[in-house]
Amino acid sequence: MSDSQPALQLQLRRLGADAVACPGMLYEKRPDGTLLLRCYTLERAAEGKGRIPAGSYAVDITFSPKFNKPMPEILNVPGFEGVRIHPGNTVEDTEGCILVGETYASDTLSSSVLAFDPLFAMLREARAKGQISLFIQESADGKQDDERQGQVQGGSDARGPVDQGRDAQGRQGNA
């Protein structure tokens, strides 16, 4: 691994915000460029007050006074300090952080601890090897509704459990 290449690259694809929340999907970018879905995300909808600006960020594992333990921190977010990736179910559980969960429906994440624990283990392992990068991307114009609908399973308004280790096309990866 070269010094310029992070040990782990994450990509958050936002699916478009409604009046309350901004859901997304968090992927691991593999060395061959494939994206493996790791979990769903949820942020506050209001950009500038509750949502991290789109762009590239470094992620570190630092001590969180709020959680009283080491947690992933997104560094150098304009206008914010102490921005974390952590478990949570609704926007009421965040003041500007990224929440993670295994399922998403109606502005609510479920199984957030089940999604967070393996993600955090992966982040800790990667950080021991080098840098972690996070690229936050807004949904492309005109695609957010298609992407939202494309994730609905079983004809309901629920996105099913993440099958961790599958790429963006649903193929099994070497996770």
Protein backbone atom coordinates (compact mmCIF):
# COMPACT_ATOMS: atom_id res chain seq x y z
CA MET A 1 0.00 0.00 0.00
CA SER A 2 1.46 3.34 -0.99
CA ASP A 3 1.77 6.19 1.48
CA SER A 4 -0.71 8.27 -0.53
CA GLN A 5 -3.36 5.54 -0.54
CA PRO A 6 -5.52 5.37 2.63
CA ALA A 7 -5.73 2.04 4.44
CA LEU A 8 -9.52 2.32 4.11
CA GLN A 9 -11.71 4.41 1.83
CA LEU A 10 -15.37 4.92 2.69
CA GLN A 11 -18.00 6.51 0.49
CA LEU A 12 -21.31 7.82 1.78
CA ARG A 13 -23.91 8.21 -0.96
CA ARG A 14 -26.78 10.37 0.20
CA LEU A 15 -30.16 9.38 -1.18
CA GLY A 16 -31.72 12.83 -0.96
CA ALA A 17 -33.15 14.62 2.04
CA ASP A 18 -36.77 15.15 3.00
CA ALA A 19 -37.88 17.83 5.49
CA VAL A 20 -36.52 15.86 8.45
CA ALA A 21 -33.80 13.42 7.51
CA CYS A 22 -31.17 12.59 4.94
CA PRO A 23 -30.68 8.83 4.48
CA GLY A 24 -27.69 7.34 2.75
CA MET A 25 -25.68 4.23 2.11
CA LEU A 26 -22.12 3.75 3.40
CA TYR A 27 -19.78 1.78 1.17
CA GLU A 28 -16.24 0.50 1.51
CA LYS A 29 -14.25 1.28 -1.63
CA ARG A 30 -12.08 -1.74 -2.41
CA PRO A 31 -8.61 -1.47 -4.06
CA ASP A 32 -10.11 -2.66 -7.37
CA GLY A 33 -12.66 0.19 -7.24
CA THR A 34 -15.72 -1.91 -6.36
CA LEU A 35 -18.01 -0.59 -3.65
CA LEU A 36 -19.18 -2.90 -0.86
CA LEU A 37 -22.27 -1.80 1.04
CA ARG A 38 -21.54 -1.72 4.78
CA CYS A 39 -24.66 -0.06 6.26
CA TYR A 40 -27.36 2.57 5.88
CA THR A 41 -26.86 6.06 7.30
CA LEU A 42 -29.05 8.84 8.61
CA GLU A 43 -28.29 12.53 9.13
CA ARG A 44 -30.33 15.62 9.92
CA ALA A 45 -31.76 17.15 6.76
CA ALA A 46 -30.73 20.77 7.35
CA GLU A 47 -27.47 21.46 5.58
CA GLY A 48 -25.25 23.83 7.52
CA LYS A 49 -26.99 23.11 10.84
CA GLY A 50 -27.17 19.37 10.99
CA ARG A 51 -25.63 17.86 7.89
CA ILE A 52 -21.96 17.57 7.04
CA PRO A 53 -21.07 19.34 3.77
CA ALA A 54 -20.36 16.96 0.87
CA GLY A 55 -16.65 16.41 0.30
CA SER A 56 -13.63 14.43 1.44
CA TYR A 57 -12.66 13.96 5.08
CA ALA A 58 -10.19 12.05 7.20
CA VAL A 59 -11.56 9.76 9.90
CA ASP A 60 -9.73 8.93 13.13
CA ILE A 61 -10.51 6.96 16.25
CA THR A 62 -10.48 9.43 19.15
CA PHE A 63 -11.86 9.58 22.67
CA SER A 64 -15.39 10.96 22.79
CA PRO A 65 -16.30 12.77 26.02
CA LYS A 66 -20.00 12.37 25.15
CA PHE A 67 -19.77 8.58 24.74
CA ASN A 68 -16.92 8.24 27.27
CA LYS A 69 -14.98 5.88 24.98
CA PRO A 70 -13.06 5.87 21.68
CA MET A 71 -15.31 6.47 18.67
CA PRO A 72 -14.84 7.29 14.98
CA GLU A 73 -14.45 11.06 14.45
CA ILE A 74 -14.77 12.84 11.11
CA LEU A 75 -12.04 15.46 11.10
CA ASN A 76 -12.00 19.05 9.86
CA VAL A 77 -15.72 19.40 9.12
CA PRO A 78 -16.39 23.08 8.36
CA GLY A 79 -18.51 24.66 11.09
CA PHE A 80 -18.54 21.53 13.28
CA GLU A 81 -16.41 19.91 15.98
CA GLY A 82 -16.57 16.42 17.41
CA VAL A 83 -18.51 14.94 14.48
CA ARG A 84 -18.82 11.20 14.98
CA ILE A 85 -20.09 8.06 13.30
CA HIS A 86 -22.24 6.25 15.87
CA PRO A 87 -25.34 4.14 16.46
CA GLY A 88 -28.73 5.82 16.56
CA ASN A 89 -32.23 5.37 15.19
CA THR A 90 -33.67 8.80 14.33
CA VAL A 91 -32.41 12.35 13.77
CA GLU A 92 -33.27 12.99 17.42
CA ASP A 93 -30.20 10.84 18.21
CA THR A 94 -27.76 13.17 16.44
CA GLU A 95 -26.63 16.79 16.58
CA GLY A 96 -24.80 16.58 13.27
CA CYS A 97 -23.17 13.15 13.37
CA ILE A 98 -23.71 10.25 10.96
CA LEU A 99 -25.91 7.49 12.36
CA VAL A 100 -25.59 3.92 11.05
CA GLY A 101 -28.01 0.99 10.92
CA GLU A 102 -28.73 -2.27 9.11
CA THR A 103 -32.18 -1.26 7.90
CA TYR A 104 -33.89 2.01 7.02
CA ALA A 105 -37.58 2.94 6.73
CA SER A 106 -39.54 6.18 7.22
CA ASP A 107 -36.65 8.28 8.57
CA THR A 108 -35.68 5.54 11.04
CA LEU A 109 -32.67 3.23 11.23
CA SER A 110 -32.94 -0.14 12.91
CA SER A 111 -30.30 -2.50 14.27
CA SER A 112 -27.89 0.39 14.67
CA VAL A 113 -25.58 -1.34 17.15
CA LEU A 114 -25.48 -4.43 14.92
CA ALA A 115 -24.33 -2.21 12.06
CA PHE A 116 -21.96 -0.09 14.14
CA ASP A 117 -19.98 -2.84 15.90
CA PRO A 118 -18.52 -4.51 12.77
CA LEU A 119 -18.01 -1.10 11.13
CA PHE A 120 -16.10 0.14 14.16
CA ALA A 121 -13.96 -3.03 14.24
CA MET A 122 -13.13 -2.49 10.55
CA LEU A 123 -12.27 1.18 11.20
CA ARG A 124 -10.01 0.32 14.16
CA GLU A 125 -8.17 -2.32 12.14
CA ALA A 126 -7.72 0.03 9.19
CA ARG A 127 -6.56 2.89 11.41
CA ALA A 128 -3.85 0.65 12.88
CA LYS A 129 -2.56 0.22 9.30
CA GLY A 130 -2.86 3.84 8.14
CA GLN A 131 -5.30 6.62 7.27
CA ILE A 132 -9.07 6.37 6.76
CA SER A 133 -10.82 8.57 4.22
CA LEU A 134 -14.53 9.34 3.87
CA PHE A 135 -16.04 10.83 0.72
CA ILE A 136 -19.57 12.21 1.16
CA GLN A 137 -21.53 12.50 -2.06
CA GLU A 138 -24.95 14.03 -2.68
CA SER A 139 -27.28 12.00 -4.86
CA ALA A 140 -27.14 12.88 -8.54
CA ASP A 141 -29.95 15.12 -9.81
CA GLY A 142 -32.97 13.07 -10.80
CA LYS A 143 -31.59 9.86 -9.34
CA GLN A 144 -32.51 10.17 -5.69
CA ASP A 145 -36.09 8.94 -6.11
CA ASP A 146 -34.97 6.02 -8.29
CA GLU A 147 -32.26 5.12 -5.77
CA ARG A 148 -34.69 5.36 -2.83
CA GLN A 149 -37.24 3.18 -4.62
CA GLY A 150 -34.53 0.78 -5.75
CA GLN A 151 -33.72 -0.02 -2.16
CA VAL A 152 -37.27 -0.81 -1.10
CA GLN A 153 -37.66 -4.54 -0.57
CA GLY A 154 -40.76 -6.70 -0.54
CA GLY A 155 -43.02 -3.88 -1.72
CA SER A 156 -42.91 -2.16 1.65
CA ASP A 157 -41.37 1.12 2.73
CA ALA A 158 -38.46 -0.68 4.35
CA ARG A 159 -34.96 -1.28 3.22
CA GLY A 160 -33.95 -4.73 4.32
CA PRO A 161 -30.91 -5.81 6.29
CA VAL A 162 -27.59 -5.00 4.74
CA ASP A 163 -25.92 -8.08 3.32
CA GLN A 164 -22.49 -6.89 4.34
CA GLY A 165 -19.74 -7.75 1.93
CA ARG A 166 -21.78 -7.33 -1.26
CA ASP A 167 -20.76 -4.84 -3.88
CA ALA A 168 -23.00 -2.20 -5.42
CA GLN A 169 -24.21 -4.77 -7.98
CA GLY A 170 -25.01 -7.39 -5.29
CA ARG A 171 -21.98 -9.63 -5.91
CA GLN A 172 -20.26 -11.27 -2.94
CA GLY A 173 -16.94 -9.61 -2.08
CA ASN A 174 -13.95 -10.69 -0.04
CA ALA A 175 -15.13 -8.93 3.07
